[in-house]
Amino acid sequence: MRMLVVCCFLLLSAALPQTALAKISAFACEPEWASLLSELGGKEVSVYQATSPKQDPHRVEARPSLVARMRSADIVVCSGSDLEIGWLPVLLQSAGNSKVQPGQPGHFMASEFVERIDVPEKVDRSMGDVHPYGNPHVHLDPRNLAVIADALSQRLATIDPDRAAVYADRNAAFQTRWSESIKRWEREASGLKGLKIVTYHRDSAYLGNWLGMTLTITIEPKPGIPPSANHLAKLLKELDAEPADLIIRMAYNEPKAPAWLHDRTGIPLAELPYTVGGTKQAKDLFTLFDDTISRLRQATGR
């Protein structure tokens, strides 16, 4: 009897079109891209998320388990602009998956589809971990995500043309909800315009640009370099001479230095999710910005 059931299952599977059983296997470097893939792909895309929300995306170990996941991926979606320079090239080389190599449809670097800020005129080792192609933290301006969603939807259709209409419909629905949400977020955050902010890393630059906030001081002396006691003392003098309105710490940033400055200056401190899952409230891309704006307003009273 058991053998009969197995044979019937195999016959049924063989009779079904291969496309009916197929799924795009997606490797998302960061949680924001895993969430966007789920929005655009639904049940047609199986998403693996390579990093956790409170993990520094600059510094990830290229573990064998990640190599195995990349080996079976149809598409790799990452921030790009060298955010993952310390680990993504190793994974791509070790996996040996021709579908996801640079130049192939399965290689999708989100920051390549939007205008980047903080592009340096020159780069050398003395500047710290500077990104030569510009600031890679593009997802914190929701207007960028709308552009990236269009491009990613088209890329999914290229990889899986039989379901192109599904991806187009899901993107259209996402874009409608996203556009309405951006208008609401901008209304809610209107009081934040003009704020002078201190940030641990320039990961909040796109957020600041979108909301009209000015980044005045970075707690890191150079990108990727933790602040020393002497550097913090120097920042204290700078803030005494020219006070800021807010200190921002992202969920993956080291917490001690921002807290130290907050305690000694009395400047409000906002701890933001940075990405999906960075706080309990930030469960998807929509609630990521809901929670970010709520925390900014709560910290500043605006």
Protein backbone atom coordinates (compact mmCIF):
# COMPACT_ATOMS: atom_id res chain seq x y z
CA MET A 1 0.00 0.00 0.00
CA ARG A 2 2.80 2.37 0.94
CA MET A 3 4.57 1.61 -2.34
CA LEU A 4 1.36 2.38 -4.26
CA VAL A 5 1.06 5.81 -2.57
CA VAL A 6 4.67 6.63 -3.38
CA CYS A 7 4.23 5.64 -7.03
CA CYS A 8 1.07 7.73 -7.34
CA PHE A 9 2.87 10.73 -5.86
CA LEU A 10 5.76 10.36 -8.30
CA LEU A 11 3.40 10.05 -11.27
CA LEU A 12 1.46 13.11 -10.16
CA SER A 13 4.67 15.12 -9.71
CA ALA A 14 5.86 14.14 -13.17
CA ALA A 15 2.54 15.17 -14.69
CA LEU A 16 2.66 18.67 -13.20
CA PRO A 17 4.48 21.39 -15.18
CA GLN A 18 7.90 22.10 -13.74
CA THR A 19 7.02 25.78 -13.38
CA ALA A 20 4.14 24.86 -11.06
CA LEU A 21 6.60 23.31 -8.61
CA ALA A 22 9.41 25.80 -9.06
CA LYS A 23 10.27 28.60 -6.64
CA ILE A 24 12.89 31.29 -6.84
CA SER A 25 15.47 30.66 -4.15
CA ALA A 26 16.65 34.06 -2.90
CA PHE A 27 19.67 34.88 -0.72
CA ALA A 28 19.15 38.23 1.06
CA CYS A 29 22.27 39.74 2.62
CA GLU A 30 20.32 41.96 5.03
CA PRO A 31 16.87 41.87 6.68
CA GLU A 32 15.51 44.84 4.69
CA TRP A 33 16.07 42.98 1.42
CA ALA A 34 14.58 39.77 2.80
CA SER A 35 11.47 41.76 3.70
CA LEU A 36 11.29 43.42 0.28
CA LEU A 37 11.68 40.06 -1.46
CA SER A 38 8.78 38.69 0.58
CA GLU A 39 6.64 41.69 -0.33
CA LEU A 40 7.33 41.30 -4.05
CA GLY A 41 7.56 37.53 -4.33
CA GLY A 42 5.08 36.17 -1.81
CA LYS A 43 4.91 32.38 -1.92
CA GLU A 44 6.71 32.32 -5.27
CA VAL A 45 10.03 33.25 -3.64
CA SER A 46 11.78 31.31 -0.90
CA VAL A 47 13.91 33.81 1.03
CA TYR A 48 17.01 33.08 3.12
CA GLN A 49 18.24 35.95 5.30
CA ALA A 50 22.00 35.88 5.81
CA THR A 51 22.34 38.35 8.70
CA SER A 52 20.42 39.22 11.84
CA PRO A 53 18.92 42.68 12.56
CA LYS A 54 21.44 43.56 15.27
CA GLN A 55 24.44 42.27 13.35
CA ASP A 56 26.85 44.79 11.84
CA PRO A 57 26.44 44.21 8.08
CA HIS A 58 29.98 45.45 7.50
CA ARG A 59 31.41 42.55 9.50
CA VAL A 60 30.01 39.11 8.82
CA GLU A 61 31.78 35.76 8.91
CA ALA A 62 31.63 33.91 5.59
CA ARG A 63 30.47 30.68 7.23
CA PRO A 64 30.13 27.35 5.34
CA SER A 65 26.37 27.48 5.95
CA LEU A 66 26.20 30.77 4.02
CA VAL A 67 28.26 29.27 1.20
CA ALA A 68 25.83 26.36 0.96
CA ARG A 69 22.83 28.72 0.80
CA MET A 70 24.45 30.84 -1.89
CA ARG A 71 25.34 27.74 -3.90
CA SER A 72 21.64 26.96 -4.32
CA ALA A 73 20.40 30.54 -4.82
CA ASP A 74 18.77 31.84 -7.99
CA ILE A 75 19.26 35.46 -6.90
CA VAL A 76 21.42 37.28 -4.36
CA VAL A 77 20.08 40.61 -3.12
CA CYS A 78 22.43 42.84 -1.12
CA SER A 79 22.99 46.53 -0.44
CA GLY A 80 26.17 46.67 -2.49
CA SER A 81 28.47 49.71 -2.71
CA ASP A 82 31.02 47.62 -0.79
CA LEU A 83 28.87 47.34 2.37
CA GLU A 84 29.49 43.57 2.24
CA ILE A 85 33.03 43.82 0.83
CA GLY A 86 34.51 41.84 3.75
CA TRP A 87 32.38 38.73 3.17
CA LEU A 88 30.24 38.73 0.02
CA PRO A 89 33.11 38.22 -2.50
CA VAL A 90 34.32 35.24 -0.45
CA LEU A 91 30.84 33.68 -0.52
CA LEU A 92 30.45 34.26 -4.26
CA GLN A 93 33.82 32.69 -5.02
CA SER A 94 33.39 29.76 -2.64
CA ALA A 95 29.85 28.97 -3.77
CA GLY A 96 30.80 28.81 -7.45
CA ASN A 97 27.21 29.54 -8.47
CA SER A 98 27.31 31.04 -11.97
CA LYS A 99 23.73 32.38 -11.68
CA VAL A 100 24.58 34.91 -8.96
CA GLN A 101 27.95 36.23 -10.09
CA PRO A 102 28.38 39.93 -10.97
CA GLY A 103 26.87 40.74 -14.34
CA GLN A 104 24.30 37.94 -14.14
CA PRO A 105 20.53 38.44 -13.55
CA GLY A 106 20.87 36.71 -10.20
CA HIS A 107 23.26 39.36 -8.87
CA PHE A 108 21.26 42.31 -7.53
CA MET A 109 22.96 45.13 -5.61
CA ALA A 110 20.21 47.49 -4.43
CA SER A 111 22.28 50.66 -4.09
CA GLU A 112 23.17 50.57 -7.79
CA PHE A 113 19.62 51.64 -8.68
CA VAL A 114 19.53 54.89 -6.67
CA GLU A 115 21.59 58.03 -6.30
CA ARG A 116 24.15 57.59 -3.56
CA ILE A 117 25.41 60.24 -1.17
CA ASP A 118 28.81 60.61 0.53
CA VAL A 119 30.74 59.58 -2.58
CA PRO A 120 34.38 60.46 -1.74
CA GLU A 121 36.58 62.28 -4.20
CA LYS A 122 39.49 60.07 -3.17
CA VAL A 123 39.97 57.05 -0.92
CA ASP A 124 43.01 55.87 1.03
CA ARG A 125 43.63 53.68 4.08
CA SER A 126 44.06 56.65 6.42
CA MET A 127 40.36 57.48 6.02
CA GLY A 128 39.13 54.26 7.68
CA ASP A 129 36.47 51.99 6.16
CA VAL A 130 35.28 54.51 3.58
CA HIS A 131 32.97 53.22 0.86
CA PRO A 132 34.43 54.35 -2.49
CA TYR A 133 31.07 54.07 -4.28
CA GLY A 134 29.17 56.13 -1.73
CA ASN A 135 27.06 55.51 1.35
CA PRO A 136 25.48 52.03 1.04
CA HIS A 137 22.73 52.45 3.67
CA VAL A 138 20.21 53.44 1.01
CA HIS A 139 17.17 51.71 2.51
CA LEU A 140 16.67 54.36 5.19
CA ASP A 141 15.18 56.73 2.64
CA PRO A 142 11.84 55.10 1.72
CA ARG A 143 11.85 56.89 -1.62
CA ASN A 144 14.87 54.78 -2.53
CA LEU A 145 13.00 51.61 -1.63
CA ALA A 146 10.24 52.47 -4.11
CA VAL A 147 12.81 52.68 -6.93
CA ILE A 148 14.59 49.51 -5.80
CA ALA A 149 11.28 47.62 -5.57
CA ASP A 150 10.54 48.41 -9.22
CA ALA A 151 13.96 47.17 -10.28
CA LEU A 152 13.80 44.04 -8.12
CA SER A 153 10.33 43.15 -9.38
CA GLN A 154 11.60 43.33 -12.95
CA ARG A 155 14.62 41.21 -12.03
CA LEU A 156 12.43 38.51 -10.49
CA ALA A 157 10.40 38.48 -13.72
CA THR A 158 13.60 38.06 -15.73
CA ILE A 159 14.60 35.04 -13.65
CA ASP A 160 11.08 33.58 -13.55
CA PRO A 161 9.25 34.87 -16.68
CA ASP A 162 6.31 32.47 -16.21
CA ARG A 163 5.32 34.46 -13.13
CA ALA A 164 6.14 37.93 -14.42
CA ALA A 165 2.52 39.05 -14.03
CA VAL A 166 2.50 37.92 -10.39
CA TYR A 167 5.58 40.00 -9.57
CA ALA A 168 4.20 43.01 -11.44
CA ASP A 169 0.88 42.82 -9.57
CA ARG A 170 2.55 42.43 -6.19
CA ASN A 171 4.86 45.36 -6.92
CA ALA A 172 1.93 47.55 -7.98
CA ALA A 173 0.13 46.76 -4.73
CA PHE A 174 3.30 47.44 -2.73
CA GLN A 175 3.93 50.75 -4.52
CA THR A 176 0.39 51.96 -3.76
CA ARG A 177 0.68 51.16 -0.05
CA TRP A 178 4.24 52.49 0.07
CA SER A 179 3.38 55.82 -1.57
CA GLU A 180 0.50 56.37 0.85
CA SER A 181 2.74 55.46 3.79
CA ILE A 182 5.50 57.88 2.73
CA LYS A 183 2.99 60.74 2.69
CA ARG A 184 1.82 59.78 6.19
CA TRP A 185 5.38 59.44 7.53
CA GLU A 186 6.35 62.82 6.14
CA ARG A 187 3.34 64.44 7.82
CA GLU A 188 4.14 62.77 11.13
CA ALA A 189 7.82 63.71 10.93
CA SER A 190 7.36 67.32 9.80
CA GLY A 191 8.41 68.61 13.23
CA LEU A 192 11.80 66.91 12.94
CA LYS A 193 12.95 69.11 10.08
CA GLY A 194 16.01 71.18 10.94
CA LEU A 195 17.19 68.98 13.81
CA LYS A 196 20.95 68.79 14.33
CA ILE A 197 21.86 65.19 15.02
CA VAL A 198 24.83 63.23 16.29
CA THR A 199 25.11 59.72 14.85
CA TYR A 200 27.44 56.85 15.65
CA HIS A 201 28.07 56.00 11.98
CA ARG A 202 26.80 57.68 8.83
CA ASP A 203 24.21 54.93 8.49
CA SER A 204 21.52 57.51 9.25
CA ALA A 205 22.56 59.89 6.45
CA TYR A 206 19.74 58.91 4.08
CA LEU A 207 17.21 59.12 6.89
CA GLY A 208 18.49 62.59 7.73
CA ASN A 209 18.34 63.73 4.11
CA TRP A 210 14.77 62.51 3.73
CA LEU A 211 13.48 64.15 6.91
CA GLY A 212 15.53 67.35 6.62
CA MET A 213 17.76 66.63 9.62
CA THR A 214 21.43 67.65 9.58
CA LEU A 215 24.20 65.28 10.65
CA THR A 216 26.66 67.45 12.56
CA ILE A 217 28.95 64.96 14.32
CA THR A 218 29.83 61.29 13.90
CA ILE A 219 30.84 59.47 17.06
CA GLU A 220 33.28 57.29 15.14
CA PRO A 221 36.50 59.26 14.49
CA LYS A 222 36.68 57.49 11.13
CA PRO A 223 34.29 54.98 9.55
CA GLY A 224 34.68 51.60 11.23
CA ILE A 225 37.00 52.93 13.97
CA PRO A 226 35.58 52.83 17.54
CA PRO A 227 35.88 56.10 19.49
CA SER A 228 38.62 56.38 22.10
CA ALA A 229 38.25 58.16 25.44
CA ASN A 230 40.23 61.10 24.05
CA HIS A 231 37.96 61.32 21.01
CA LEU A 232 34.83 61.29 23.17
CA ALA A 233 36.29 64.06 25.32
CA LYS A 234 36.89 66.07 22.15
CA LEU A 235 33.28 65.51 21.03
CA LEU A 236 32.09 66.70 24.42
CA LYS A 237 33.88 70.02 23.91
CA GLU A 238 32.48 70.35 20.38
CA LEU A 239 28.94 69.74 21.62
CA ASP A 240 29.42 72.21 24.44
CA ALA A 241 30.41 74.85 21.89
CA GLU A 242 27.73 73.91 19.35
CA PRO A 243 24.95 71.78 20.89
CA ALA A 244 23.01 69.20 18.90
CA ASP A 245 19.33 68.32 19.24
CA LEU A 246 19.53 64.54 19.13
CA ILE A 247 21.88 61.56 19.33
CA ILE A 248 20.98 58.57 17.13
CA ARG A 249 22.13 55.01 17.75
CA MET A 250 21.12 52.22 15.41
CA ALA A 251 20.30 48.78 16.83
CA TYR A 252 23.59 47.26 15.65
CA ASN A 253 25.78 50.17 16.82
CA GLU A 254 27.88 49.86 19.96
CA PRO A 255 25.72 51.37 22.75
CA LYS A 256 28.25 52.67 25.31
CA ALA A 257 29.63 55.74 23.51
CA PRO A 258 26.21 57.21 22.55
CA ALA A 259 24.96 56.60 26.10
CA TRP A 260 28.09 58.27 27.52
CA LEU A 261 27.51 61.40 25.44
CA HIS A 262 23.81 61.41 26.31
CA ASP A 263 24.55 61.20 30.04
CA ARG A 264 27.08 64.04 29.97
CA THR A 265 25.33 66.42 27.61
CA GLY A 266 21.65 65.78 28.32
CA ILE A 267 21.04 65.57 24.56
CA PRO A 268 18.13 63.19 23.86
CA LEU A 269 19.11 59.73 22.63
CA ALA A 270 16.99 57.86 20.08
CA GLU A 271 17.69 54.15 19.66
CA LEU A 272 16.44 53.22 16.19
CA PRO A 273 15.84 49.80 14.61
CA TYR A 274 17.92 50.47 11.45
CA THR A 275 16.39 47.46 9.72
CA VAL A 276 13.49 45.02 9.93
CA GLY A 277 13.68 43.22 13.27
CA GLY A 278 15.94 45.81 14.89
CA THR A 279 13.18 46.40 17.44
CA LYS A 280 10.14 44.34 18.37
CA GLN A 281 7.92 46.88 16.63
CA ALA A 282 9.83 46.87 13.31
CA LYS A 283 8.36 43.65 11.94
CA ASP A 284 8.41 44.57 8.23
CA LEU A 285 9.38 47.51 6.03
CA PHE A 286 6.22 49.45 6.87
CA THR A 287 6.56 49.09 10.63
CA LEU A 288 10.32 49.79 10.33
CA PHE A 289 9.51 53.38 9.38
CA ASP A 290 6.50 53.57 11.70
CA ASP A 291 8.76 52.73 14.63
CA THR A 292 11.68 54.87 13.45
CA ILE A 293 9.55 58.01 13.26
CA SER A 294 7.75 57.20 16.50
CA ARG A 295 11.06 56.88 18.34
CA LEU A 296 12.44 60.10 16.83
CA ARG A 297 9.34 62.02 17.86
CA GLN A 298 9.28 60.49 21.31
CA ALA A 299 12.95 61.33 21.95
CA THR A 300 12.62 64.94 20.81
CA GLY A 301 9.04 65.67 21.87
CA ARG A 302 8.21 66.85 18.34
